[in-house]
Amino acid sequence: MQASAATGDPAPATDVPPPPTHGRYGAGRSTAPLVAVPADGLGWSDADLEELGRKAPGMLPGRIVKCDQSGALVLMQSGAARATYCAALLLAAARAKSGGRIWPRPGDRVALRCWPDGPITVEGVVV
């Protein structure tokens, strides 16, 4: 990297290629959501939503689409998002002998917390 003689600031790079206009992140990329919310919602009845609001204020309803050891793809009213597991869920799974039914599975209804700085956590499976 070259520095300007007068100011000592780095000179702009001239050997940086332009961004691609095709492929995974290029032009023509669809802006449509990958997973749409079903017409019947997320499978939560009005009574279920009321109970969630009463037992866990501030939690949002969601449904697991895909999950792995570090988190899950969840479907919310606003669309699909990546969520990690909350500390209590991780601790419960670590204490369980085989994990059993603690880990969420695709199709499970879950309670979600949206943090002010952006992340989303799965707080628990709703049965």
C-alpha atoms as a PDB file:
ATOM      1  CA  MET A   1       0.000   0.000   0.000  1.00  0.00           C
ATOM      2  CA  GLN A   2       1.441   3.411  -0.930  1.00  0.00           C
ATOM      3  CA  ALA A   3       1.140   6.480   1.284  1.00  0.00           C
ATOM      4  CA  SER A   4       0.621   9.987   0.028  1.00  0.00           C
ATOM      5  CA  ALA A   5       3.796  12.051   0.505  1.00  0.00           C
ATOM      6  CA  ALA A   6       1.960  15.191   1.634  1.00  0.00           C
ATOM      7  CA  THR A   7      -0.556  13.740   4.114  1.00  0.00           C
ATOM      8  CA  GLY A   8       0.693  10.283   4.974  1.00  0.00           C
ATOM      9  CA  ASP A   9      -2.749   8.839   4.106  1.00  0.00           C
ATOM     10  CA  PRO A  10      -2.904   5.588   2.179  1.00  0.00           C
ATOM     11  CA  ALA A  11      -3.443   5.981  -1.546  1.00  0.00           C
ATOM     12  CA  PRO A  12      -6.649   4.488  -2.956  1.00  0.00           C
ATOM     13  CA  ALA A  13      -6.185   0.961  -4.225  1.00  0.00           C
ATOM     14  CA  THR A  14      -6.285   0.741  -7.999  1.00  0.00           C
ATOM     15  CA  ASP A  15      -5.848  -3.010  -8.318  1.00  0.00           C
ATOM     16  CA  VAL A  16      -9.160  -3.952  -6.667  1.00  0.00           C
ATOM     17  CA  PRO A  17     -11.478  -5.670  -9.155  1.00  0.00           C
ATOM     18  CA  PRO A  18     -15.083  -4.467  -9.482  1.00  0.00           C
ATOM     19  CA  PRO A  19     -17.782  -6.521  -7.767  1.00  0.00           C
ATOM     20  CA  PRO A  20     -19.171  -9.422  -9.796  1.00  0.00           C
ATOM     21  CA  THR A  21     -22.311  -8.832 -11.815  1.00  0.00           C
ATOM     22  CA  HIS A  22     -23.372 -12.460 -11.846  1.00  0.00           C
ATOM     23  CA  GLY A  23     -23.360 -15.484  -9.611  1.00  0.00           C
ATOM     24  CA  ARG A  24     -24.305 -15.803  -5.987  1.00  0.00           C
ATOM     25  CA  TYR A  25     -24.181 -12.137  -4.963  1.00  0.00           C
ATOM     26  CA  GLY A  26     -24.343 -10.379  -8.310  1.00  0.00           C
ATOM     27  CA  ALA A  27     -27.038  -8.758 -10.395  1.00  0.00           C
ATOM     28  CA  GLY A  28     -30.202 -10.681 -10.998  1.00  0.00           C
ATOM     29  CA  ARG A  29     -30.325 -11.904  -7.427  1.00  0.00           C
ATOM     30  CA  SER A  30     -33.893 -12.351  -6.327  1.00  0.00           C
ATOM     31  CA  THR A  31     -35.118 -10.164  -3.485  1.00  0.00           C
ATOM     32  CA  ALA A  32     -38.075 -12.442  -2.767  1.00  0.00           C
ATOM     33  CA  PRO A  33     -37.958 -14.156   0.632  1.00  0.00           C
ATOM     34  CA  LEU A  34     -36.673 -17.717   0.584  1.00  0.00           C
ATOM     35  CA  VAL A  35     -39.461 -18.898   2.855  1.00  0.00           C
ATOM     36  CA  ALA A  36     -42.887 -17.294   2.859  1.00  0.00           C
ATOM     37  CA  VAL A  37     -45.261 -17.295   5.819  1.00  0.00           C
ATOM     38  CA  PRO A  38     -48.070 -19.792   5.112  1.00  0.00           C
ATOM     39  CA  ALA A  39     -51.545 -18.369   4.556  1.00  0.00           C
ATOM     40  CA  ASP A  40     -52.755 -19.945   7.814  1.00  0.00           C
ATOM     41  CA  GLY A  41     -49.947 -18.266   9.773  1.00  0.00           C
ATOM     42  CA  LEU A  42     -47.398 -20.180  11.778  1.00  0.00           C
ATOM     43  CA  GLY A  43     -49.761 -22.757  13.210  1.00  0.00           C
ATOM     44  CA  TRP A  44     -50.456 -20.753  16.356  1.00  0.00           C
ATOM     45  CA  SER A  45     -54.089 -20.353  17.432  1.00  0.00           C
ATOM     46  CA  ASP A  46     -55.336 -17.178  19.094  1.00  0.00           C
ATOM     47  CA  ALA A  47     -55.431 -19.047  22.411  1.00  0.00           C
ATOM     48  CA  ASP A  48     -51.800 -20.135  21.934  1.00  0.00           C
ATOM     49  CA  LEU A  49     -50.731 -16.554  21.223  1.00  0.00           C
ATOM     50  CA  GLU A  50     -52.569 -15.286  24.300  1.00  0.00           C
ATOM     51  CA  GLU A  51     -50.932 -17.948  26.457  1.00  0.00           C
ATOM     52  CA  LEU A  52     -47.484 -17.081  25.085  1.00  0.00           C
ATOM     53  CA  GLY A  53     -48.107 -13.412  25.856  1.00  0.00           C
ATOM     54  CA  ARG A  54     -49.268 -14.250  29.380  1.00  0.00           C
ATOM     55  CA  LYS A  55     -46.547 -16.773  30.280  1.00  0.00           C
ATOM     56  CA  ALA A  56     -43.630 -15.190  28.403  1.00  0.00           C
ATOM     57  CA  PRO A  57     -44.183 -11.462  27.817  1.00  0.00           C
ATOM     58  CA  GLY A  58     -42.064 -10.050  25.023  1.00  0.00           C
ATOM     59  CA  MET A  59     -41.575 -13.386  23.250  1.00  0.00           C
ATOM     60  CA  LEU A  60     -42.562 -13.820  19.631  1.00  0.00           C
ATOM     61  CA  PRO A  61     -44.095 -16.936  18.070  1.00  0.00           C
ATOM     62  CA  GLY A  62     -42.070 -18.852  15.515  1.00  0.00           C
ATOM     63  CA  ARG A  63     -41.702 -22.176  13.777  1.00  0.00           C
ATOM     64  CA  ILE A  64     -38.474 -24.087  13.152  1.00  0.00           C
ATOM     65  CA  VAL A  65     -37.714 -24.653   9.459  1.00  0.00           C
ATOM     66  CA  LYS A  66     -34.231 -26.155   9.772  1.00  0.00           C
ATOM     67  CA  CYS A  67     -31.890 -26.615  12.724  1.00  0.00           C
ATOM     68  CA  ASP A  68     -28.336 -27.605  13.531  1.00  0.00           C
ATOM     69  CA  GLN A  69     -26.059 -27.611  16.577  1.00  0.00           C
ATOM     70  CA  SER A  70     -25.468 -23.859  16.564  1.00  0.00           C
ATOM     71  CA  GLY A  71     -28.931 -22.537  15.797  1.00  0.00           C
ATOM     72  CA  ALA A  72     -31.965 -22.694  13.577  1.00  0.00           C
ATOM     73  CA  LEU A  73     -33.686 -21.135  10.620  1.00  0.00           C
ATOM     74  CA  VAL A  74     -36.973 -19.902  12.062  1.00  0.00           C
ATOM     75  CA  LEU A  75     -40.101 -18.632  10.396  1.00  0.00           C
ATOM     76  CA  MET A  76     -41.676 -15.586  12.022  1.00  0.00           C
ATOM     77  CA  GLN A  77     -44.523 -13.321  10.940  1.00  0.00           C
ATOM     78  CA  SER A  78     -41.915 -11.036   9.321  1.00  0.00           C
ATOM     79  CA  GLY A  79     -40.304 -13.897   7.373  1.00  0.00           C
ATOM     80  CA  ALA A  80     -37.393 -16.275   7.862  1.00  0.00           C
ATOM     81  CA  ALA A  81     -34.400 -15.496  10.078  1.00  0.00           C
ATOM     82  CA  ARG A  82     -31.400 -17.232  11.619  1.00  0.00           C
ATOM     83  CA  ALA A  83     -31.654 -17.738  15.382  1.00  0.00           C
ATOM     84  CA  THR A  84     -29.266 -19.139  17.964  1.00  0.00           C
ATOM     85  CA  TYR A  85     -30.236 -21.109  21.058  1.00  0.00           C
ATOM     86  CA  CYS A  86     -30.559 -19.257  24.370  1.00  0.00           C
ATOM     87  CA  ALA A  87     -28.202 -20.028  27.252  1.00  0.00           C
ATOM     88  CA  ALA A  88     -30.881 -21.858  29.266  1.00  0.00           C
ATOM     89  CA  LEU A  89     -31.628 -24.185  26.327  1.00  0.00           C
ATOM     90  CA  LEU A  90     -27.922 -24.904  25.810  1.00  0.00           C
ATOM     91  CA  LEU A  91     -27.445 -25.605  29.513  1.00  0.00           C
ATOM     92  CA  ALA A  92     -30.463 -27.916  29.670  1.00  0.00           C
ATOM     93  CA  ALA A  93     -29.188 -29.852  26.649  1.00  0.00           C
ATOM     94  CA  ALA A  94     -25.715 -30.138  28.173  1.00  0.00           C
ATOM     95  CA  ARG A  95     -27.165 -31.485  31.428  1.00  0.00           C
ATOM     96  CA  ALA A  96     -29.461 -33.979  29.709  1.00  0.00           C
ATOM     97  CA  LYS A  97     -27.946 -37.373  29.118  1.00  0.00           C
ATOM     98  CA  SER A  98     -28.835 -37.574  25.424  1.00  0.00           C
ATOM     99  CA  GLY A  99     -30.455 -34.238  24.706  1.00  0.00           C
ATOM    100  CA  GLY A 100     -33.798 -36.005  24.373  1.00  0.00           C
ATOM    101  CA  ARG A 101     -36.612 -33.711  23.317  1.00  0.00           C
ATOM    102  CA  ILE A 102     -34.820 -30.554  24.488  1.00  0.00           C
ATOM    103  CA  TRP A 103     -33.453 -29.594  21.068  1.00  0.00           C
ATOM    104  CA  PRO A 104     -35.965 -28.076  18.647  1.00  0.00           C
ATOM    105  CA  ARG A 105     -36.806 -30.011  15.516  1.00  0.00           C
ATOM    106  CA  PRO A 106     -38.137 -28.809  12.161  1.00  0.00           C
ATOM    107  CA  GLY A 107     -41.837 -28.016  12.475  1.00  0.00           C
ATOM    108  CA  ASP A 108     -41.699 -27.209  16.204  1.00  0.00           C
ATOM    109  CA  ARG A 109     -43.421 -24.099  17.482  1.00  0.00           C
ATOM    110  CA  VAL A 110     -40.931 -22.012  19.453  1.00  0.00           C
ATOM    111  CA  ALA A 111     -40.805 -18.877  21.562  1.00  0.00           C
ATOM    112  CA  LEU A 112     -38.345 -16.338  20.154  1.00  0.00           C
ATOM    113  CA  ARG A 113     -36.637 -13.315  21.669  1.00  0.00           C
ATOM    114  CA  CYS A 114     -35.533 -10.475  19.380  1.00  0.00           C
ATOM    115  CA  TRP A 115     -32.703  -8.582  21.041  1.00  0.00           C
ATOM    116  CA  PRO A 116     -32.378  -4.789  20.589  1.00  0.00           C
ATOM    117  CA  ASP A 117     -29.001  -5.135  18.858  1.00  0.00           C
ATOM    118  CA  GLY A 118     -30.349  -7.556  16.233  1.00  0.00           C
ATOM    119  CA  PRO A 119     -29.825 -11.218  17.196  1.00  0.00           C
ATOM    120  CA  ILE A 120     -32.741 -13.615  17.648  1.00  0.00           C
ATOM    121  CA  THR A 121     -32.681 -16.480  20.134  1.00  0.00           C
ATOM    122  CA  VAL A 122     -34.831 -19.580  20.437  1.00  0.00           C
ATOM    123  CA  GLU A 123     -35.954 -19.501  24.069  1.00  0.00           C
ATOM    124  CA  GLY A 124     -37.834 -22.786  24.118  1.00  0.00           C
ATOM    125  CA  VAL A 125     -40.127 -25.249  22.383  1.00  0.00           C
ATOM    126  CA  VAL A 126     -43.857 -24.663  22.872  1.00  0.00           C
ATOM    127  CA  VAL A 127     -45.830 -27.891  23.205  1.00  0.00           C
END
